[in-house]
Amino acid sequence: MFSYLRERFTSHLRERSRRRARLVSKDGRCNIEFGNVEQSRFVFLIDIWTTILDLRWRYKMTIFISAFLGSWFLFGLLWYVVAYIHKDLPEFNPSINHTPCVENINGLTSAFLFSLETQVTIGYGFRCVTEQCATAIFLLIFQSILGVIINSFMCGAILAKISRSKNRAKTITFSKNAVISKRGGKLCLLIRVANLRKSLLIGSHIYGKLLKTTITPEGETIILDQVNIEFVVDAGNENLFFISPLTIYHIIDKNSPFFHMAAETLLQQDFELVVFLDGTVEATSATCQVRTSYIPEEVLWGYRFAPIVSKTKEGKYRVDFQNFSKTVAVETPHCAFCLYNEKEAKGKEKKGYDNPGFVLSEVNETSDTKM
């Protein structure tokens, strides 16, 4: 009993370590880390717009709040300095005829409030700049321009973050497993993909990459070597009419990297199948890419997907997503090579072949019947 539990625990740990080693997660995130990058991190500040967009929401909101609070407080200090230099503060005991640069600034707090009112253009009419101080007029113009720039940049970054096509990709889902079975008389690897929104993806294109470790004839080991995997549907892989779930398939022929795999050896393979779906969002005309991956444990040999689309009594087409990843066992050859040999053997049975060793001998017939 103890040995059985230990074996199960070891296999579970081995499976977990293998699943963690995948390059692309099921939701499309890439598991890759860059190390010893020689370029300085300041290069990311050159493309500050992309850097801000790629930040997580908590960091973006921190920068958003800090940018506004920092600018308000900085200009509040400048307004306080202007009032201090012009001796507008109460501690200088200005005369009755004294005209301040900014009226009703009595300290740092009131200077901060005036800075806030100026930058967000919500002046209350209690504090205002007078025409007696050119420095205050210049500072007012400078803060107004800089405030518009900060407001445009930060609000634009928030809006761009919300409307990114990456969020649209979350409504495109792939089946949990890939299956291998016969389709149209050929052995195929099938994957189901669905669009959860009624809006279409325009110009959709689907393809795949098989990632594995290969050794070249020169002895070089290539980790994450990429092999192209062509996926098609019955109408082709270009400009998909993506209104209902589609079953895409890859034909396992002699040019396929799956040709030499079999049902018994599939789990012993070390590969990762990454599937990509590119398209243009109909609402925003922005391009998006959806990714997912499958490892050998997620490829089921000898199964097909259960039906998912039906027609109701009202004449509508109903998609039952309960059966989206459901599979049904079907009779399937153990390998593509077996199916190929079976077809070749059946083809030879239908044809006639000459035997070069066969010799036709003539027989003289004699009649023993006498009249």
Protein backbone atom coordinates (compact mmCIF):
# COMPACT_ATOMS: atom_id res chain seq x y z
CA MET A 1 0.00 0.00 0.00
CA PHE A 2 2.82 2.40 0.92
CA SER A 3 4.71 1.66 -2.32
CA TYR A 4 1.57 2.29 -4.35
CA LEU A 5 0.99 5.67 -2.70
CA ARG A 6 4.63 6.60 -3.17
CA GLU A 7 4.45 5.69 -6.84
CA ARG A 8 1.27 7.74 -7.30
CA PHE A 9 2.84 10.70 -5.50
CA THR A 10 5.99 10.47 -7.61
CA SER A 11 4.00 10.32 -10.84
CA HIS A 12 1.94 13.29 -9.68
CA LEU A 13 5.05 15.34 -9.00
CA ARG A 14 6.52 14.30 -12.34
CA GLU A 15 3.33 15.37 -14.11
CA ARG A 16 3.27 18.71 -12.30
CA SER A 17 6.88 19.45 -13.17
CA ARG A 18 6.21 18.57 -16.76
CA ARG A 19 3.14 20.77 -16.94
CA ARG A 20 5.05 23.69 -15.47
CA ALA A 21 7.69 23.37 -18.19
CA ARG A 22 5.27 24.39 -20.94
CA LEU A 23 6.14 27.54 -22.85
CA VAL A 24 2.58 28.76 -23.41
CA SER A 25 -0.11 28.31 -20.78
CA LYS A 26 -3.67 27.35 -21.60
CA ASP A 27 -4.78 30.98 -21.41
CA GLY A 28 -2.04 32.11 -23.80
CA ARG A 29 0.54 33.57 -21.42
CA CYS A 30 4.18 32.90 -22.30
CA ASN A 31 6.36 31.29 -19.65
CA ILE A 32 9.71 32.80 -20.54
CA GLU A 33 12.30 34.79 -18.63
CA PHE A 34 15.09 37.02 -19.98
CA GLY A 35 18.40 36.98 -18.19
CA ASN A 36 21.70 38.87 -18.51
CA VAL A 37 20.25 41.49 -20.83
CA GLU A 38 23.13 43.82 -21.70
CA GLN A 39 20.97 46.78 -22.64
CA SER A 40 20.06 49.24 -19.92
CA ARG A 41 16.55 49.33 -18.56
CA PHE A 42 16.37 52.96 -19.63
CA VAL A 43 15.63 51.74 -23.17
CA PHE A 44 12.14 50.91 -21.93
CA LEU A 45 11.64 54.55 -20.99
CA ILE A 46 12.26 55.55 -24.61
CA ASP A 47 9.11 53.67 -25.57
CA ILE A 48 7.25 54.92 -22.52
CA TRP A 49 3.81 54.47 -24.12
CA THR A 50 4.23 50.72 -24.65
CA THR A 51 5.82 50.37 -21.22
CA ILE A 52 2.82 52.03 -19.56
CA LEU A 53 0.38 49.89 -21.53
CA ASP A 54 2.16 46.66 -20.58
CA LEU A 55 2.09 47.46 -16.86
CA ARG A 56 -0.35 45.71 -14.60
CA TRP A 57 -3.38 47.63 -13.40
CA ARG A 58 -2.08 48.14 -9.86
CA TYR A 59 1.13 49.74 -11.13
CA LYS A 60 -0.74 51.77 -13.74
CA MET A 61 -3.18 53.18 -11.19
CA THR A 62 -0.28 53.97 -8.85
CA ILE A 63 1.42 55.97 -11.61
CA PHE A 64 -1.90 57.61 -12.52
CA ILE A 65 -2.56 58.82 -8.97
CA SER A 66 1.09 59.75 -8.35
CA ALA A 67 1.30 61.81 -11.55
CA PHE A 68 -1.65 64.00 -10.60
CA LEU A 69 -0.87 64.31 -6.91
CA GLY A 70 2.79 64.98 -7.64
CA SER A 71 2.06 67.71 -10.18
CA TRP A 72 -0.50 69.37 -7.88
CA PHE A 73 1.91 69.38 -4.95
CA LEU A 74 4.87 70.53 -7.07
CA PHE A 75 2.99 73.49 -8.50
CA GLY A 76 1.53 74.18 -5.06
CA LEU A 77 5.10 74.66 -3.83
CA LEU A 78 5.83 76.95 -6.78
CA TRP A 79 2.76 79.06 -6.04
CA TYR A 80 3.83 79.27 -2.43
CA VAL A 81 7.31 80.40 -3.50
CA VAL A 82 5.81 83.08 -5.77
CA ALA A 83 3.66 84.34 -2.89
CA TYR A 84 6.62 84.22 -0.54
CA ILE A 85 8.92 86.17 -2.89
CA HIS A 86 6.23 88.75 -3.63
CA LYS A 87 5.53 88.98 0.12
CA ASP A 88 1.84 88.15 -0.23
CA LEU A 89 1.71 85.92 2.85
CA PRO A 90 0.10 87.15 6.11
CA GLU A 91 3.39 86.92 8.03
CA PHE A 92 4.77 89.79 5.97
CA ASN A 93 1.86 92.03 7.07
CA PRO A 94 1.11 93.43 3.59
CA SER A 95 -0.48 96.85 3.39
CA ILE A 96 -4.08 97.48 2.46
CA ASN A 97 -3.07 98.80 -0.97
CA HIS A 98 -0.84 95.74 -1.65
CA THR A 99 -1.91 93.76 -4.72
CA PRO A 100 -0.82 90.10 -4.42
CA CYS A 101 0.15 87.85 -7.32
CA VAL A 102 -2.57 85.42 -6.29
CA GLU A 103 -5.34 86.56 -4.08
CA ASN A 104 -6.25 84.64 -0.92
CA ILE A 105 -3.12 82.47 -0.71
CA ASN A 106 -2.37 82.39 3.02
CA GLY A 107 -0.07 79.38 3.24
CA LEU A 108 1.03 76.08 1.74
CA THR A 109 -2.42 74.53 2.03
CA SER A 110 -4.14 77.32 0.14
CA ALA A 111 -1.34 77.23 -2.47
CA PHE A 112 -1.97 73.51 -2.98
CA LEU A 113 -5.71 74.10 -3.36
CA PHE A 114 -5.07 76.84 -5.93
CA SER A 115 -2.75 74.48 -7.84
CA LEU A 116 -5.47 71.82 -7.84
CA GLU A 117 -8.12 74.27 -9.02
CA THR A 118 -5.87 75.56 -11.78
CA GLN A 119 -4.83 72.22 -13.21
CA VAL A 120 -8.27 70.62 -13.22
CA THR A 121 -9.99 73.89 -14.27
CA ILE A 122 -12.48 73.93 -11.41
CA GLY A 123 -11.66 77.38 -10.02
CA TYR A 124 -14.07 78.49 -7.30
CA GLY A 125 -13.63 82.25 -7.93
CA PHE A 126 -12.16 82.83 -4.46
CA ARG A 127 -8.50 82.55 -5.50
CA CYS A 128 -7.30 84.06 -8.77
CA VAL A 129 -4.20 85.47 -10.44
CA THR A 130 -3.91 89.23 -10.70
CA GLU A 131 -2.37 91.19 -13.54
CA GLN A 132 0.33 92.72 -11.33
CA CYS A 133 2.69 89.71 -11.45
CA ALA A 134 4.14 88.42 -14.73
CA THR A 135 5.73 85.44 -12.96
CA ALA A 136 2.34 84.22 -11.77
CA ILE A 137 0.85 84.59 -15.25
CA PHE A 138 3.70 82.58 -16.78
CA LEU A 139 3.37 79.88 -14.10
CA LEU A 140 -0.39 79.72 -14.69
CA ILE A 141 0.12 79.17 -18.43
CA PHE A 142 2.83 76.59 -17.87
CA GLN A 143 0.76 74.58 -15.37
CA SER A 144 -2.30 74.67 -17.61
CA ILE A 145 -0.34 73.30 -20.59
CA LEU A 146 1.47 70.67 -18.54
CA GLY A 147 -1.81 69.65 -16.88
CA VAL A 148 -3.44 69.07 -20.26
CA ILE A 149 -0.46 66.92 -21.35
CA ILE A 150 -0.55 64.82 -18.17
CA ASN A 151 -4.32 64.45 -18.36
CA SER A 152 -4.24 63.44 -22.04
CA PHE A 153 -1.42 60.93 -21.57
CA MET A 154 -2.75 59.23 -18.45
CA CYS A 155 -6.40 59.14 -19.55
CA GLY A 156 -5.31 57.92 -23.00
CA ALA A 157 -3.25 55.16 -21.39
CA ILE A 158 -6.20 54.06 -19.25
CA LEU A 159 -8.53 54.08 -22.25
CA ALA A 160 -6.04 52.18 -24.42
CA LYS A 161 -5.55 49.62 -21.66
CA ILE A 162 -9.30 49.04 -21.40
CA SER A 163 -9.84 48.79 -25.17
CA ARG A 164 -6.86 46.56 -25.95
CA SER A 165 -7.67 43.64 -28.21
CA LYS A 166 -6.03 41.39 -25.64
CA ASN A 167 -9.26 41.57 -23.66
CA ARG A 168 -11.22 40.53 -26.76
CA ALA A 169 -9.06 37.43 -26.95
CA LYS A 170 -10.44 36.28 -23.61
CA THR A 171 -13.78 35.57 -25.31
CA ILE A 172 -12.13 33.10 -27.71
CA THR A 173 -11.83 29.67 -26.16
CA PHE A 174 -10.18 26.43 -27.23
CA SER A 175 -11.11 22.91 -26.21
CA LYS A 176 -9.35 21.53 -23.17
CA ASN A 177 -7.95 18.59 -25.14
CA ALA A 178 -6.97 17.84 -28.70
CA VAL A 179 -8.09 14.53 -30.21
CA ILE A 180 -6.76 12.24 -32.93
CA SER A 181 -9.20 10.27 -35.05
CA LYS A 182 -10.22 9.62 -38.64
CA ARG A 183 -11.84 12.42 -40.62
CA GLY A 184 -12.65 12.07 -44.27
CA GLY A 185 -10.75 8.79 -44.43
CA LYS A 186 -7.57 10.42 -43.10
CA LEU A 187 -6.01 10.41 -39.67
CA CYS A 188 -6.29 13.94 -38.25
CA LEU A 189 -5.52 15.89 -35.11
CA LEU A 190 -8.61 17.92 -34.21
CA ILE A 191 -9.11 20.95 -31.97
CA ARG A 192 -12.32 22.82 -31.25
CA VAL A 193 -12.41 26.62 -31.00
CA ALA A 194 -15.35 28.89 -30.22
CA ASN A 195 -16.19 32.59 -30.24
CA LEU A 196 -18.19 33.50 -27.14
CA ARG A 197 -19.39 36.79 -28.61
CA LYS A 198 -21.83 37.32 -31.45
CA SER A 199 -19.51 39.88 -33.05
CA LEU A 200 -17.16 38.30 -35.56
CA LEU A 201 -13.42 38.24 -35.95
CA ILE A 202 -12.72 39.51 -39.45
CA GLY A 203 -10.07 37.82 -41.59
CA SER A 204 -9.36 35.09 -39.04
CA HIS A 205 -6.37 32.85 -39.69
CA ILE A 206 -5.38 29.82 -37.64
CA TYR A 207 -2.07 27.95 -37.55
CA GLY A 208 0.16 26.05 -35.16
CA LYS A 209 3.74 25.49 -34.04
CA LEU A 210 5.14 22.25 -32.66
CA LEU A 211 7.84 22.97 -30.09
CA LYS A 212 10.30 20.21 -29.29
CA THR A 213 13.96 19.57 -28.66
CA THR A 214 15.84 18.34 -31.75
CA ILE A 215 19.41 17.34 -32.49
CA THR A 216 20.82 18.37 -35.85
CA PRO A 217 23.03 16.07 -37.97
CA GLU A 218 25.95 18.23 -36.82
CA GLY A 219 25.22 17.33 -33.19
CA GLU A 220 23.73 20.69 -32.20
CA THR A 221 20.86 20.51 -29.68
CA ILE A 222 18.08 22.98 -30.43
CA ILE A 223 15.70 23.60 -27.56
CA LEU A 224 12.21 24.79 -28.51
CA ASP A 225 12.72 24.01 -32.17
CA GLN A 226 9.64 25.17 -34.09
CA VAL A 227 7.88 23.10 -36.74
CA ASN A 228 4.97 24.53 -38.70
CA ILE A 229 1.63 22.78 -38.24
CA GLU A 230 -1.04 23.54 -40.85
CA PHE A 231 -4.61 23.60 -39.55
CA VAL A 232 -7.61 23.74 -41.83
CA VAL A 233 -11.37 23.59 -41.68
CA ASP A 234 -13.65 22.36 -44.40
CA ALA A 235 -13.79 25.88 -45.86
CA GLY A 236 -10.04 26.52 -45.56
CA ASN A 237 -7.95 28.28 -42.92
CA GLU A 238 -8.33 31.81 -44.30
CA ASN A 239 -11.24 34.19 -43.56
CA LEU A 240 -13.11 31.90 -41.21
CA PHE A 241 -16.84 32.48 -40.75
CA PHE A 242 -16.46 32.41 -36.99
CA ILE A 243 -20.10 32.66 -35.92
CA SER A 244 -20.29 29.19 -34.35
CA PRO A 245 -17.73 26.81 -32.84
CA LEU A 246 -15.36 25.35 -35.42
CA THR A 247 -13.44 22.10 -35.42
CA ILE A 248 -10.03 22.65 -36.97
CA TYR A 249 -7.91 19.70 -37.96
CA HIS A 250 -4.39 18.86 -39.02
CA ILE A 251 -3.96 16.00 -41.50
CA ILE A 252 -1.37 13.52 -40.26
CA ASP A 253 0.39 12.54 -43.47
CA LYS A 254 4.01 11.74 -44.34
CA ASN A 255 4.96 15.41 -43.99
CA SER A 256 3.43 15.74 -40.53
CA PRO A 257 5.63 15.49 -37.41
CA PHE A 258 2.91 13.27 -35.89
CA PHE A 259 3.28 10.66 -38.64
CA HIS A 260 5.78 8.52 -36.71
CA MET A 261 3.86 8.73 -33.42
CA ALA A 262 1.49 6.01 -32.27
CA ALA A 263 -1.19 5.64 -29.63
CA GLU A 264 1.16 3.63 -27.41
CA THR A 265 4.09 6.05 -27.69
CA LEU A 266 2.25 9.38 -27.62
CA LEU A 267 2.65 9.95 -23.88
CA GLN A 268 6.36 9.20 -24.15
CA GLN A 269 6.88 12.10 -26.55
CA ASP A 270 8.22 15.46 -25.42
CA PHE A 271 6.55 18.24 -27.39
CA GLU A 272 4.22 21.20 -27.02
CA LEU A 273 1.68 22.10 -29.66
CA VAL A 274 0.97 25.85 -29.69
CA VAL A 275 -2.12 26.98 -31.63
CA PHE A 276 -2.58 30.59 -32.78
CA LEU A 277 -5.69 32.39 -33.99
CA ASP A 278 -5.19 35.83 -35.56
CA GLY A 279 -8.06 38.11 -36.47
CA THR A 280 -9.39 41.66 -36.56
CA VAL A 281 -11.95 42.78 -33.98
CA GLU A 282 -15.11 43.87 -35.76
CA ALA A 283 -15.97 46.64 -33.29
CA THR A 284 -12.56 48.36 -33.04
CA SER A 285 -10.71 47.14 -36.18
CA ALA A 286 -7.79 46.19 -33.93
CA THR A 287 -5.90 42.98 -34.55
CA CYS A 288 -5.71 40.37 -31.83
CA GLN A 289 -4.06 37.01 -31.33
CA VAL A 290 -5.33 34.12 -29.23
CA ARG A 291 -2.94 31.40 -28.09
CA THR A 292 -3.16 28.08 -26.32
CA SER A 293 -1.03 24.95 -26.09
CA TYR A 294 -1.32 21.19 -25.75
CA ILE A 295 1.18 18.76 -24.28
CA PRO A 296 1.10 14.97 -24.91
CA GLU A 297 -1.12 14.35 -21.87
CA GLU A 298 -3.74 16.64 -23.40
CA VAL A 299 -3.86 14.87 -26.78
CA LEU A 300 -6.39 12.01 -26.76
CA TRP A 301 -5.83 9.29 -29.35
CA GLY A 302 -8.95 7.53 -30.60
CA TYR A 303 -11.54 10.16 -29.70
CA ARG A 304 -13.70 12.73 -31.47
CA PHE A 305 -15.66 15.72 -30.20
CA ALA A 306 -19.31 15.35 -29.25
CA PRO A 307 -21.90 17.29 -31.31
CA ILE A 308 -22.45 20.81 -30.04
CA VAL A 309 -24.81 22.55 -32.50
CA SER A 310 -28.51 21.68 -32.74
CA LYS A 311 -31.65 23.28 -34.15
CA THR A 312 -34.54 24.30 -31.91
CA LYS A 313 -38.25 24.07 -32.70
CA GLU A 314 -38.32 27.82 -33.26
CA GLY A 315 -35.79 27.46 -36.09
CA LYS A 316 -32.81 28.85 -34.19
CA TYR A 317 -29.41 27.21 -33.99
CA ARG A 318 -28.42 26.41 -30.42
CA VAL A 319 -24.84 25.88 -29.27
CA ASP A 320 -24.54 23.73 -26.15
CA PHE A 321 -21.21 24.61 -24.55
CA GLN A 322 -21.66 21.81 -22.05
CA ASN A 323 -20.39 19.47 -24.76
CA PHE A 324 -17.68 21.86 -25.97
CA SER A 325 -14.75 19.80 -24.64
CA LYS A 326 -16.62 16.52 -24.33
CA THR A 327 -15.08 13.65 -26.31
CA VAL A 328 -16.41 10.30 -27.54
CA ALA A 329 -14.27 7.22 -28.12
CA VAL A 330 -14.20 6.02 -31.74
CA GLU A 331 -12.39 3.30 -33.64
CA THR A 332 -9.06 4.73 -34.76
CA PRO A 333 -5.86 3.18 -36.20
CA HIS A 334 -2.97 2.98 -33.76
CA CYS A 335 -0.73 5.03 -36.03
CA ALA A 336 -0.82 6.94 -39.30
CA PHE A 337 1.60 4.42 -40.82
CA CYS A 338 -0.87 1.62 -40.07
CA LEU A 339 -3.67 3.50 -41.83
CA TYR A 340 -1.41 4.19 -44.78
CA ASN A 341 -0.43 0.51 -45.13
CA GLU A 342 -4.06 -0.56 -44.75
CA LYS A 343 -5.15 1.70 -47.61
CA GLU A 344 -2.23 0.53 -49.74
CA ALA A 345 -3.10 -3.11 -49.13
CA LYS A 346 -6.76 -2.57 -50.01
CA GLY A 347 -5.70 -0.78 -53.18
CA LYS A 348 -3.55 -3.70 -54.26
CA GLU A 349 -6.42 -6.15 -53.72
CA LYS A 350 -8.49 -4.28 -56.30
CA LYS A 351 -5.77 -4.51 -58.95
CA GLY A 352 -4.48 -7.53 -60.93
CA TYR A 353 -0.79 -8.33 -61.14
CA ASP A 354 0.99 -10.58 -63.67
CA ASN A 355 3.10 -13.45 -62.44
CA PRO A 356 6.34 -13.44 -64.47
CA GLY A 357 6.99 -17.09 -63.55
CA PHE A 358 3.74 -18.32 -65.03
CA VAL A 359 4.09 -20.26 -68.33
CA LEU A 360 1.12 -21.06 -70.48
CA SER A 361 1.31 -24.56 -71.93
CA GLU A 362 -0.89 -25.74 -74.77
CA VAL A 363 -2.79 -28.96 -74.38
CA ASN A 364 -3.76 -31.04 -77.40
CA GLU A 365 -7.21 -32.38 -76.91
CA THR A 366 -7.89 -35.80 -78.37
CA SER A 367 -11.27 -37.32 -78.71
CA ASP A 368 -11.71 -40.97 -77.72
CA THR A 369 -15.17 -41.11 -79.08
CA LYS A 370 -15.47 -42.86 -82.36
CA MET A 371 -18.38 -42.61 -84.65
